[in-house]
Amino acid sequence: MPHRRSRFVPRSLRGELAASLAALRDELSLPAAYPADALREAEASARHVPVDPVVSGLVDLRAIEFLTIDPAGSTDLDQAVHLERTATGGILHYAIADVPAFVTPGGALDAETRRRGQTLYAPDGRIPLHPEALSEDAASLLPGRDRRAYVWRFVLDDGARPTETSITRAIVRSRRQWSYPEAQHAIDAGTAPPTLAALPWFGAARAERERERGGASLNLPETRIISRDDGTDYALERSYGVPLEDWNADVSLLTGMAAADIMIRGGVGILRTMPPARPDDLEEFRAQTVALGMPWHTEVAYGDYLRTLDRSPAARAVRECAAGLFRGAGYAAFDGAIPAQTAQAAIGAAYAHTTAPLRRLVDRWSLVICEALANGREVPWWARESLDVLPKIMSSSSARAGQLEAGSIDRVEAAVLTGHVGEEYDAVVVSRRGDGVRIQLSEPPVESTVKGLDARPGSTVRVRLAAASIVNGSVGFAPV
């Protein structure tokens, strides 16, 4: 599906929007500048942590032609990939930024990253987990630079199942940084390098593995805030993305599943968990699919049913209903007894956050624990003794990230619509919400709740914009 992009915010409203976004930061008590002592530690480690194979004592894997695939303009590059097809399947190398090398346990930088939890993304500038000296330079897997990394090596069979897994701390060098659109274009045009050219096979095979284990992907379109010029000119974009985004995510997913397996077998680690859907919720969802004219038959597995859905309004409404089935995602830390709940139900397997240490705190622990266990060494003391604080840190930072994203989108939506009160719009009803419905405008890609409107999810309605406030990010619609 092509991108659906709204008009950009009028120049006359940019100042008001900037003030509202700044107020949102204050409301959420977001971190501001990095403390001086933590900055000094980061800058010192950026200068002094060795990246020479001889000096560092790490394995030299610079001959592997890694590449990175990220959104356009990214500078905090956590992962680099190399995928080679073989006669029996493939060999996948996945390099993850060696952030632990740059953070002294118990130091000022360690303390500040624990306070932040994860990188926060806002239209008026991201709030990084690590200072830029690390996140955008010394620890980032930038092309043409020697970098430290945890390199996962998977020997894959013809169904992209891992038959061997190893982890090596090494020096790597990425050959090129690709954006999703340009990499997808190269794949489609037949001009992609071998790694990119092999990803469609990998993605298709991993999708089949997901089906086998009972996992499911919702594949809901994503609303993003985009900017141009000096970064103060915003619009909304709604898109399903390109297929490569899913294939690349499958590499990370495979690694996270392997990490969970290593930690469970080793008896120490931290998992990303989610309980299975409750039987009564499943039955309610089944009834909703019937009401929407897209019935989920009892002989069809949940994930298989979702994979049959198209991108029609009714299918969008079904996916919105499905999004409420799986609740209670969290983290389970353990050292000894394995948690009763180890699976991430939507994935259909045990899973651990492992592949984004520049942007997510918990991944630093996963990496050092997995590398030690996989190579028969003791898990570092600092990782074991601090495991129990991670679930609370990650839960709190994830909630804050969600509030920031939702609040930012609300304010940009209001700015896009300000000046258009009284105008009418076509919209699709995506779900029932209290005494009204949740709608998605056809253009611009704005979502809102309309009270007093009784309409079936998946149906098209006509609404009138009644109010729009940039100050608190609220918009109001009324039925026509």
Protein backbone atom coordinates (compact mmCIF):
# COMPACT_ATOMS: atom_id res chain seq x y z
CA MET A 1 0.00 0.00 0.00
CA PRO A 2 1.41 3.44 -0.85
CA HIS A 3 2.07 5.94 1.90
CA ARG A 4 -0.93 8.03 2.90
CA ARG A 5 0.43 11.43 3.88
CA SER A 6 -1.39 14.42 5.30
CA ARG A 7 -0.72 18.05 4.49
CA PHE A 8 2.17 19.65 6.37
CA VAL A 9 1.44 21.89 9.35
CA PRO A 10 0.98 25.51 8.19
CA ARG A 11 3.95 27.75 8.92
CA SER A 12 1.75 30.06 11.02
CA LEU A 13 1.04 27.23 13.49
CA ARG A 14 4.55 25.84 13.91
CA GLY A 15 5.36 28.01 16.90
CA GLU A 16 2.22 26.93 18.74
CA LEU A 17 2.93 23.28 17.93
CA ALA A 18 6.53 23.59 19.12
CA ALA A 19 5.32 25.04 22.43
CA SER A 20 2.80 22.22 22.84
CA LEU A 21 5.43 19.55 22.14
CA ALA A 22 7.78 21.18 24.66
CA ALA A 23 4.97 21.20 27.23
CA LEU A 24 4.43 17.49 26.59
CA ARG A 25 8.06 16.81 27.48
CA ASP A 26 7.62 18.70 30.75
CA GLU A 27 4.35 16.90 31.48
CA LEU A 28 6.03 13.51 31.08
CA SER A 29 9.17 14.62 33.00
CA LEU A 30 11.39 13.50 30.13
CA PRO A 31 15.17 13.59 30.58
CA ALA A 32 16.90 16.69 29.27
CA ALA A 33 20.65 17.11 28.82
CA TYR A 34 22.97 14.31 29.85
CA PRO A 35 24.67 14.85 33.24
CA ALA A 36 28.23 16.11 32.91
CA ASP A 37 29.84 13.15 34.71
CA ALA A 38 28.02 10.64 32.50
CA LEU A 39 29.01 12.60 29.38
CA ARG A 40 32.65 12.56 30.45
CA GLU A 41 32.54 8.79 30.92
CA ALA A 42 30.96 8.28 27.50
CA GLU A 43 33.46 10.53 25.73
CA ALA A 44 36.38 8.86 27.50
CA SER A 45 35.21 5.37 26.56
CA ALA A 46 34.60 6.51 22.99
CA ARG A 47 38.26 7.57 22.81
CA HIS A 48 39.88 4.73 24.70
CA VAL A 49 37.93 1.49 24.18
CA PRO A 50 40.06 -0.34 21.57
CA VAL A 51 38.70 -1.41 18.19
CA ASP A 52 41.96 -2.85 16.88
CA PRO A 53 41.73 -6.67 16.85
CA VAL A 54 45.26 -7.07 18.23
CA VAL A 55 44.91 -4.51 21.02
CA SER A 56 41.37 -5.56 21.97
CA GLY A 57 42.07 -9.28 21.77
CA LEU A 58 38.82 -9.77 19.87
CA VAL A 59 38.27 -11.94 16.82
CA ASP A 60 38.76 -10.13 13.51
CA LEU A 61 35.60 -10.57 11.42
CA ARG A 62 36.09 -7.54 9.18
CA ALA A 63 36.22 -9.78 6.10
CA ILE A 64 32.48 -10.49 6.46
CA GLU A 65 30.58 -8.06 4.24
CA PHE A 66 28.03 -6.80 6.74
CA LEU A 67 25.45 -4.17 5.86
CA THR A 68 22.85 -2.27 7.87
CA ILE A 69 19.17 -1.69 7.03
CA ASP A 70 17.34 1.07 8.89
CA PRO A 71 14.91 3.94 8.38
CA ALA A 72 16.40 6.69 6.22
CA GLY A 73 18.64 9.06 8.17
CA SER A 74 19.32 6.70 11.10
CA THR A 75 22.63 7.15 12.88
CA ASP A 76 22.21 4.88 15.93
CA LEU A 77 22.85 1.60 14.15
CA ASP A 78 22.51 -1.40 16.48
CA GLN A 79 22.59 -4.24 13.95
CA ALA A 80 24.45 -5.29 10.84
CA VAL A 81 23.59 -8.40 8.86
CA HIS A 82 25.24 -10.81 6.44
CA LEU A 83 23.21 -13.67 4.95
CA GLU A 84 24.73 -16.26 2.62
CA ARG A 85 22.76 -18.96 0.83
CA THR A 86 24.26 -22.45 0.86
CA ALA A 87 23.33 -25.73 -0.79
CA THR A 88 21.50 -26.80 2.37
CA GLY A 89 20.07 -23.46 3.51
CA GLY A 90 22.16 -20.52 4.63
CA ILE A 91 24.59 -18.97 7.08
CA LEU A 92 23.44 -15.86 8.91
CA HIS A 93 25.83 -13.53 10.73
CA TYR A 94 24.17 -10.85 12.83
CA ALA A 95 26.39 -8.24 14.45
CA ILE A 96 24.97 -6.36 17.47
CA ALA A 97 26.69 -3.22 18.77
CA ASP A 98 29.01 -3.98 21.69
CA VAL A 99 27.54 -1.37 24.04
CA PRO A 100 28.70 -3.19 27.21
CA ALA A 101 32.30 -2.42 26.26
CA PHE A 102 31.61 1.30 26.65
CA VAL A 103 29.59 1.34 29.90
CA THR A 104 31.33 0.81 33.24
CA PRO A 105 29.04 -1.07 35.65
CA GLY A 106 28.17 1.14 38.61
CA GLY A 107 29.46 4.31 36.90
CA ALA A 108 27.68 7.57 36.14
CA LEU A 109 26.83 6.52 32.58
CA ASP A 110 25.39 3.22 33.80
CA ALA A 111 23.24 5.06 36.34
CA GLU A 112 21.91 7.52 33.77
CA THR A 113 21.03 4.81 31.25
CA ARG A 114 19.10 3.01 33.98
CA ARG A 115 17.22 6.24 34.68
CA ARG A 116 16.30 6.58 30.99
CA GLY A 117 15.56 2.96 30.11
CA GLN A 118 15.34 3.46 26.36
CA THR A 119 15.70 5.99 23.58
CA LEU A 120 12.60 8.17 23.28
CA TYR A 121 11.51 9.45 19.89
CA ALA A 122 9.71 12.78 19.56
CA PRO A 123 9.11 14.99 16.50
CA ASP A 124 11.12 17.80 18.07
CA GLY A 125 14.16 15.58 18.69
CA ARG A 126 14.92 12.18 20.14
CA ILE A 127 16.12 11.65 23.70
CA PRO A 128 18.88 9.05 23.42
CA LEU A 129 19.57 6.27 25.87
CA HIS A 130 23.30 6.84 25.38
CA PRO A 131 25.17 10.08 24.61
CA GLU A 132 25.77 10.80 20.93
CA ALA A 133 29.49 10.11 21.30
CA LEU A 134 28.47 6.46 21.64
CA SER A 135 25.02 6.11 20.06
CA GLU A 136 25.86 7.96 16.86
CA ASP A 137 29.59 7.35 16.69
CA ALA A 138 31.90 5.01 18.62
CA ALA A 139 29.37 2.24 19.34
CA SER A 140 27.20 2.65 16.24
CA LEU A 141 27.83 0.19 13.39
CA LEU A 142 28.47 2.93 10.85
CA PRO A 143 29.66 1.91 7.38
CA GLY A 144 33.39 1.88 6.70
CA ARG A 145 34.30 1.98 10.42
CA ASP A 146 35.89 -0.71 12.56
CA ARG A 147 33.44 -1.47 15.35
CA ARG A 148 33.09 -3.85 18.27
CA ALA A 149 30.14 -6.23 18.08
CA TYR A 150 28.58 -9.38 19.44
CA VAL A 151 28.35 -11.54 16.32
CA TRP A 152 25.66 -14.21 16.31
CA ARG A 153 26.28 -16.96 13.77
CA PHE A 154 23.40 -19.22 12.72
CA VAL A 155 23.73 -22.21 10.42
CA LEU A 156 20.30 -22.51 8.78
CA ASP A 157 18.63 -25.44 7.07
CA ASP A 158 16.53 -25.05 3.93
CA GLY A 159 13.58 -23.85 6.04
CA ALA A 160 15.70 -21.17 7.79
CA ARG A 161 15.71 -23.19 11.01
CA PRO A 162 18.89 -22.71 13.04
CA THR A 163 20.83 -25.95 13.40
CA GLU A 164 23.90 -24.35 15.01
CA THR A 165 24.21 -21.12 17.01
CA SER A 166 27.30 -19.37 18.31
CA ILE A 167 28.20 -15.93 19.68
CA THR A 168 31.58 -14.26 19.21
CA ARG A 169 32.75 -10.91 20.50
CA ALA A 170 34.57 -9.44 17.51
CA ILE A 171 35.65 -6.49 15.40
CA VAL A 172 33.48 -5.93 12.31
CA ARG A 173 33.15 -3.39 9.52
CA SER A 174 29.86 -2.67 7.76
CA ARG A 175 30.17 -2.07 4.02
CA ARG A 176 27.07 0.05 3.46
CA GLN A 177 24.11 1.63 5.22
CA TRP A 178 20.85 0.93 3.39
CA SER A 179 17.49 2.56 3.98
CA TYR A 180 14.40 0.38 3.72
CA PRO A 181 13.07 2.00 0.52
CA GLU A 182 16.35 1.86 -1.40
CA ALA A 183 17.09 -1.71 -0.28
CA GLN A 184 13.59 -2.84 -1.28
CA HIS A 185 14.03 -1.16 -4.65
CA ALA A 186 17.34 -2.98 -5.19
CA ILE A 187 15.72 -6.33 -4.32
CA ASP A 188 12.79 -5.69 -6.67
CA ALA A 189 15.10 -4.53 -9.47
CA GLY A 190 17.43 -7.51 -9.14
CA THR A 191 20.45 -5.32 -8.35
CA ALA A 192 20.73 -6.14 -4.63
CA PRO A 193 23.91 -7.57 -3.08
CA PRO A 194 23.75 -11.22 -1.95
CA THR A 195 22.59 -10.49 1.60
CA LEU A 196 19.62 -8.42 0.48
CA ALA A 197 18.83 -10.83 -2.33
CA ALA A 198 18.63 -13.71 0.20
CA LEU A 199 16.26 -11.95 2.59
CA PRO A 200 13.03 -12.76 0.66
CA TRP A 201 13.83 -16.48 1.03
CA PHE A 202 14.60 -15.99 4.71
CA GLY A 203 11.44 -13.96 5.34
CA ALA A 204 9.17 -16.45 3.60
CA ALA A 205 10.73 -19.38 5.45
CA ARG A 206 10.49 -17.65 8.83
CA ALA A 207 6.84 -16.78 8.14
CA GLU A 208 6.21 -20.50 7.68
CA ARG A 209 8.03 -21.22 10.96
CA GLU A 210 5.77 -18.66 12.64
CA ARG A 211 2.75 -20.51 11.30
CA GLU A 212 4.09 -23.83 12.62
CA ARG A 213 4.63 -22.56 16.16
CA GLY A 214 1.27 -20.78 16.32
CA GLY A 215 2.58 -17.22 16.24
CA ALA A 216 0.73 -14.35 14.61
CA SER A 217 1.49 -10.91 13.20
CA LEU A 218 -1.19 -8.23 13.16
CA ASN A 219 0.42 -6.15 10.38
CA LEU A 220 -1.48 -3.00 11.28
CA PRO A 221 -0.54 0.14 9.33
CA GLU A 222 1.66 2.53 11.29
CA THR A 223 1.10 6.25 11.75
CA ARG A 224 4.39 8.16 11.71
CA ILE A 225 5.27 11.79 12.09
CA ILE A 226 7.54 12.95 9.28
CA SER A 227 9.40 16.24 8.95
CA ARG A 228 11.26 18.25 6.36
CA ASP A 229 13.38 21.39 6.09
CA ASP A 230 14.68 22.37 9.55
CA GLY A 231 12.73 19.66 11.37
CA THR A 232 9.86 21.89 12.48
CA ASP A 233 7.63 21.20 9.46
CA TYR A 234 5.54 18.15 10.30
CA ALA A 235 3.00 15.91 8.61
CA LEU A 236 1.46 12.50 9.30
CA GLU A 237 2.14 9.40 7.24
CA ARG A 238 0.27 6.12 7.45
CA SER A 239 1.80 3.09 5.79
CA TYR A 240 2.24 -0.67 5.95
CA GLY A 241 5.90 -0.16 5.05
CA VAL A 242 7.80 -2.35 2.59
CA PRO A 243 8.15 -6.17 2.79
CA LEU A 244 11.84 -5.85 3.69
CA GLU A 245 10.90 -4.34 7.05
CA ASP A 246 9.25 -7.62 8.02
CA TRP A 247 12.11 -9.74 6.69
CA ASN A 248 14.67 -7.67 8.57
CA ALA A 249 12.55 -7.89 11.72
CA ASP A 250 12.56 -11.67 11.28
CA VAL A 251 16.36 -11.66 11.69
CA SER A 252 16.00 -9.85 15.01
CA LEU A 253 13.14 -12.12 16.05
CA LEU A 254 15.17 -15.27 15.34
CA THR A 255 18.03 -13.87 17.44
CA GLY A 256 15.73 -12.97 20.32
CA MET A 257 14.27 -16.47 20.32
CA ALA A 258 17.76 -17.98 20.32
CA ALA A 259 18.75 -15.68 23.20
CA ALA A 260 15.76 -16.80 25.24
CA ASP A 261 16.63 -20.44 24.64
CA ILE A 262 20.24 -19.88 25.76
CA MET A 263 19.15 -18.09 28.95
CA ILE A 264 16.49 -20.67 29.84
CA ARG A 265 18.96 -23.53 29.40
CA GLY A 266 21.55 -21.57 31.41
CA GLY A 267 19.13 -20.75 34.23
CA VAL A 268 19.77 -17.01 34.24
CA GLY A 269 18.46 -14.13 32.16
CA ILE A 270 15.50 -11.92 31.36
CA LEU A 271 12.65 -12.74 28.97
CA ARG A 272 10.04 -10.65 27.20
CA THR A 273 6.79 -12.40 28.07
CA MET A 274 3.10 -12.21 27.24
CA PRO A 275 0.38 -14.54 28.55
CA PRO A 276 -1.91 -16.35 26.10
CA ALA A 277 -5.28 -14.86 25.25
CA ARG A 278 -8.10 -15.86 27.60
CA PRO A 279 -10.65 -18.33 26.19
CA ASP A 280 -13.56 -15.93 26.70
CA ASP A 281 -11.67 -13.16 24.86
CA LEU A 282 -11.03 -15.54 21.96
CA GLU A 283 -14.72 -16.41 21.77
CA GLU A 284 -15.67 -12.74 21.82
CA PHE A 285 -13.17 -12.06 19.03
CA ARG A 286 -14.62 -14.94 17.00
CA ALA A 287 -18.09 -13.41 17.36
CA GLN A 288 -16.73 -10.02 16.25
CA THR A 289 -15.27 -11.54 13.08
CA VAL A 290 -18.69 -12.97 12.23
CA ALA A 291 -20.33 -9.58 12.79
CA LEU A 292 -17.75 -7.99 10.49
CA GLY A 293 -18.51 -10.46 7.71
CA MET A 294 -15.06 -12.12 7.93
CA PRO A 295 -15.73 -15.14 10.16
CA TRP A 296 -12.88 -16.97 11.90
CA HIS A 297 -13.81 -20.63 11.59
CA THR A 298 -13.01 -23.00 14.41
CA GLU A 299 -10.87 -25.31 12.27
CA VAL A 300 -8.50 -22.46 11.31
CA ALA A 301 -5.63 -21.49 13.63
CA TYR A 302 -5.61 -17.90 14.89
CA GLY A 303 -2.39 -16.94 13.12
CA ASP A 304 -3.49 -18.59 9.87
CA TYR A 305 -6.74 -16.61 10.01
CA LEU A 306 -4.88 -13.30 10.41
CA ARG A 307 -2.66 -14.17 7.46
CA THR A 308 -5.74 -14.45 5.21
CA LEU A 309 -6.86 -10.87 5.91
CA ASP A 310 -6.57 -8.28 3.17
CA ARG A 311 -6.28 -4.50 3.64
CA SER A 312 -9.96 -3.67 3.36
CA PRO A 313 -11.74 -1.53 5.99
CA ALA A 314 -13.42 -4.63 7.43
CA ALA A 315 -10.06 -6.41 7.74
CA ARG A 316 -8.60 -3.34 9.45
CA ALA A 317 -11.45 -3.50 11.97
CA VAL A 318 -10.76 -7.21 12.56
CA ARG A 319 -7.10 -6.47 13.26
CA GLU A 320 -8.07 -3.72 15.71
CA CYS A 321 -10.22 -6.26 17.57
CA ALA A 322 -7.37 -8.78 17.51
CA ALA A 323 -4.99 -6.23 19.02
CA GLY A 324 -6.93 -6.48 22.27
CA LEU A 325 -6.52 -10.23 22.62
CA PHE A 326 -2.97 -10.27 23.90
CA ARG A 327 -2.40 -8.11 26.95
CA GLY A 328 0.01 -8.10 29.85
CA ALA A 329 3.38 -7.95 28.07
CA GLY A 330 6.22 -7.71 30.55
CA TYR A 331 9.69 -8.86 31.50
CA ALA A 332 10.56 -11.90 33.61
CA ALA A 333 14.02 -11.87 35.21
CA PHE A 334 15.38 -15.06 36.77
CA ASP A 335 18.52 -16.53 38.31
CA GLY A 336 17.88 -20.13 39.22
CA ALA A 337 14.24 -21.14 39.00
CA ILE A 338 12.77 -20.67 35.51
CA PRO A 339 9.62 -18.47 35.42
CA ALA A 340 6.32 -20.28 35.08
CA GLN A 341 5.48 -18.06 32.11
CA THR A 342 8.33 -18.08 29.58
CA ALA A 343 6.53 -17.60 26.27
CA GLN A 344 5.62 -14.48 24.37
CA ALA A 345 2.19 -15.64 23.25
CA ALA A 346 1.90 -13.53 20.10
CA ILE A 347 5.28 -14.84 18.92
CA GLY A 348 4.46 -18.39 19.99
CA ALA A 349 7.82 -18.98 21.64
CA ALA A 350 10.14 -17.80 24.39
CA TYR A 351 11.75 -14.52 23.39
CA ALA A 352 14.19 -11.93 24.74
CA HIS A 353 15.01 -8.37 23.75
CA THR A 354 18.60 -8.64 22.58
CA THR A 355 19.32 -6.77 19.36
CA ALA A 356 18.97 -3.05 20.15
CA PRO A 357 21.43 -2.22 22.98
CA LEU A 358 22.02 1.36 21.79
CA ARG A 359 18.32 2.10 22.16
CA ARG A 360 17.04 -0.27 24.87
CA LEU A 361 18.65 -0.88 28.25
CA VAL A 362 17.69 -4.52 28.80
CA ASP A 363 19.51 -5.68 25.66
CA ARG A 364 22.87 -4.90 27.30
CA TRP A 365 22.13 -7.57 29.92
CA SER A 366 20.86 -10.09 27.39
CA LEU A 367 24.02 -9.80 25.31
CA VAL A 368 26.54 -10.29 28.10
CA ILE A 369 24.53 -13.13 29.65
CA CYS A 370 24.08 -14.99 26.36
CA GLU A 371 27.71 -14.56 25.29
CA ALA A 372 28.94 -15.92 28.63
CA LEU A 373 26.54 -18.88 28.68
CA ALA A 374 27.15 -19.76 25.03
CA ASN A 375 30.89 -19.88 25.61
CA GLY A 376 30.90 -21.72 28.94
CA ARG A 377 31.94 -18.78 31.12
CA GLU A 378 30.54 -17.23 34.27
CA VAL A 379 27.91 -14.54 33.75
CA PRO A 380 29.41 -11.15 34.81
CA TRP A 381 28.59 -10.31 38.43
CA TRP A 382 27.07 -6.94 37.62
CA ALA A 383 24.56 -8.50 35.23
CA ARG A 384 23.40 -11.12 37.73
CA GLU A 385 23.07 -8.81 40.71
CA SER A 386 21.05 -6.17 38.84
CA LEU A 387 18.65 -8.43 36.93
CA ASP A 388 15.76 -7.93 39.34
CA VAL A 389 15.59 -4.14 38.77
CA LEU A 390 15.22 -4.39 35.00
CA PRO A 391 11.51 -5.29 34.71
CA LYS A 392 10.44 -2.17 36.60
CA ILE A 393 12.83 0.08 34.63
CA MET A 394 11.67 -1.26 31.28
CA SER A 395 7.99 -1.21 32.20
CA SER A 396 8.22 2.42 33.30
CA SER A 397 10.23 3.58 30.29
CA SER A 398 7.96 1.72 27.85
CA ALA A 399 4.89 3.39 29.35
CA ARG A 400 6.57 6.77 29.02
CA ALA A 401 7.56 6.03 25.41
CA GLY A 402 3.96 5.11 24.59
CA GLN A 403 2.63 8.28 26.18
CA LEU A 404 5.16 10.39 24.27
CA GLU A 405 4.30 8.78 20.93
CA ALA A 406 0.55 9.09 21.43
CA GLY A 407 0.78 12.65 22.74
CA SER A 408 3.01 13.74 19.86
CA ILE A 409 0.71 12.27 17.23
CA ASP A 410 -2.30 13.89 18.90
CA ARG A 411 -0.66 17.32 18.76
CA VAL A 412 0.42 17.01 15.13
CA GLU A 413 -3.06 15.79 14.20
CA ALA A 414 -4.57 18.85 15.88
CA ALA A 415 -2.11 21.17 14.11
CA VAL A 416 -2.88 19.61 10.72
CA LEU A 417 -6.63 20.07 11.29
CA THR A 418 -6.58 23.51 12.93
CA GLY A 419 -8.29 25.97 10.63
CA HIS A 420 -10.58 23.33 9.14
CA VAL A 421 -13.33 23.26 11.78
CA GLY A 422 -16.68 22.70 10.10
CA GLU A 423 -15.26 20.70 7.20
CA GLU A 424 -16.53 17.19 6.48
CA TYR A 425 -14.45 14.02 6.01
CA ASP A 426 -14.91 10.42 4.99
CA ALA A 427 -13.82 7.97 7.66
CA VAL A 428 -13.72 4.24 8.38
CA VAL A 429 -14.98 2.91 11.70
CA VAL A 430 -12.19 0.75 13.12
CA SER A 431 -13.68 -0.20 16.50
CA ARG A 432 -16.41 0.51 19.02
CA ARG A 433 -15.26 2.68 21.89
CA GLY A 434 -17.50 3.26 24.91
CA ASP A 435 -20.60 5.16 23.83
CA GLY A 436 -19.16 5.83 20.38
CA VAL A 437 -16.69 4.57 17.81
CA ARG A 438 -13.05 4.97 16.86
CA ILE A 439 -12.60 6.28 13.32
CA GLN A 440 -9.76 6.64 10.83
CA LEU A 441 -10.05 9.52 8.37
CA SER A 442 -9.32 8.67 4.77
CA GLU A 443 -7.31 11.88 4.42
CA PRO A 444 -5.47 13.20 6.39
CA PRO A 445 -4.58 9.96 8.24
CA VAL A 446 -6.06 11.01 11.59
CA GLU A 447 -7.73 8.79 14.18
CA SER A 448 -10.31 9.99 16.68
CA THR A 449 -13.23 8.88 18.82
CA VAL A 450 -16.72 10.04 17.90
CA LYS A 451 -19.26 9.88 20.70
CA GLY A 452 -22.88 9.19 19.96
CA LEU A 453 -22.20 7.51 16.65
CA ASP A 454 -23.61 4.00 16.28
CA ALA A 455 -21.90 2.39 13.30
CA ARG A 456 -20.51 -1.04 12.57
CA PRO A 457 -16.70 -1.46 12.53
CA GLY A 458 -15.50 -1.64 8.95
CA SER A 459 -18.22 0.70 7.68
CA THR A 460 -17.65 4.11 6.07
CA VAL A 461 -19.13 7.20 7.70
CA ARG A 462 -19.17 10.94 7.12
CA VAL A 463 -18.03 13.18 10.00
CA ARG A 464 -17.61 16.91 10.61
CA LEU A 465 -14.63 18.43 12.42
CA ALA A 466 -16.06 20.18 15.50
CA ALA A 467 -12.88 21.25 17.32
CA ALA A 468 -9.08 21.07 17.23
CA SER A 469 -6.71 22.19 19.98
CA ILE A 470 -2.95 22.13 19.54
CA VAL A 471 -2.42 22.99 23.20
CA ASN A 472 -3.63 19.62 24.50
CA GLY A 473 -3.66 17.66 21.24
CA SER A 474 -7.40 17.12 21.11
CA VAL A 475 -9.68 16.94 18.09
CA GLY A 476 -13.44 16.43 18.06
CA PHE A 477 -15.71 15.11 15.35
CA ALA A 478 -19.50 14.89 15.07
CA PRO A 479 -21.61 12.64 12.84
CA VAL A 480 -22.97 14.24 9.69
